């Protein structure tokens, strides 16, 4: 049986469909029992979806937004 650390290590391969049947079953069994890992996988899927929608070319507005967000995070500490 997988533990949470093992699941995190295999999560990208799981989402990319690169695990063997045995590995996929182990991941699914763990996800059936672990609410935290289910949440992690959901967040990872959402992150992948967001990244797929980002433009491939560099957009100055996105760089400025990223800098403002980073600055806000630094100031919040």
Foldseek 3Di string as FASTA:
>chain_A
DDDLVVCVVCLVCQVVVNDDPVVVVVNVVVVVPDPVVVVVSVVVVVVVVVVVPDDPDDDVVVVVVVVVVVVVVVVVD
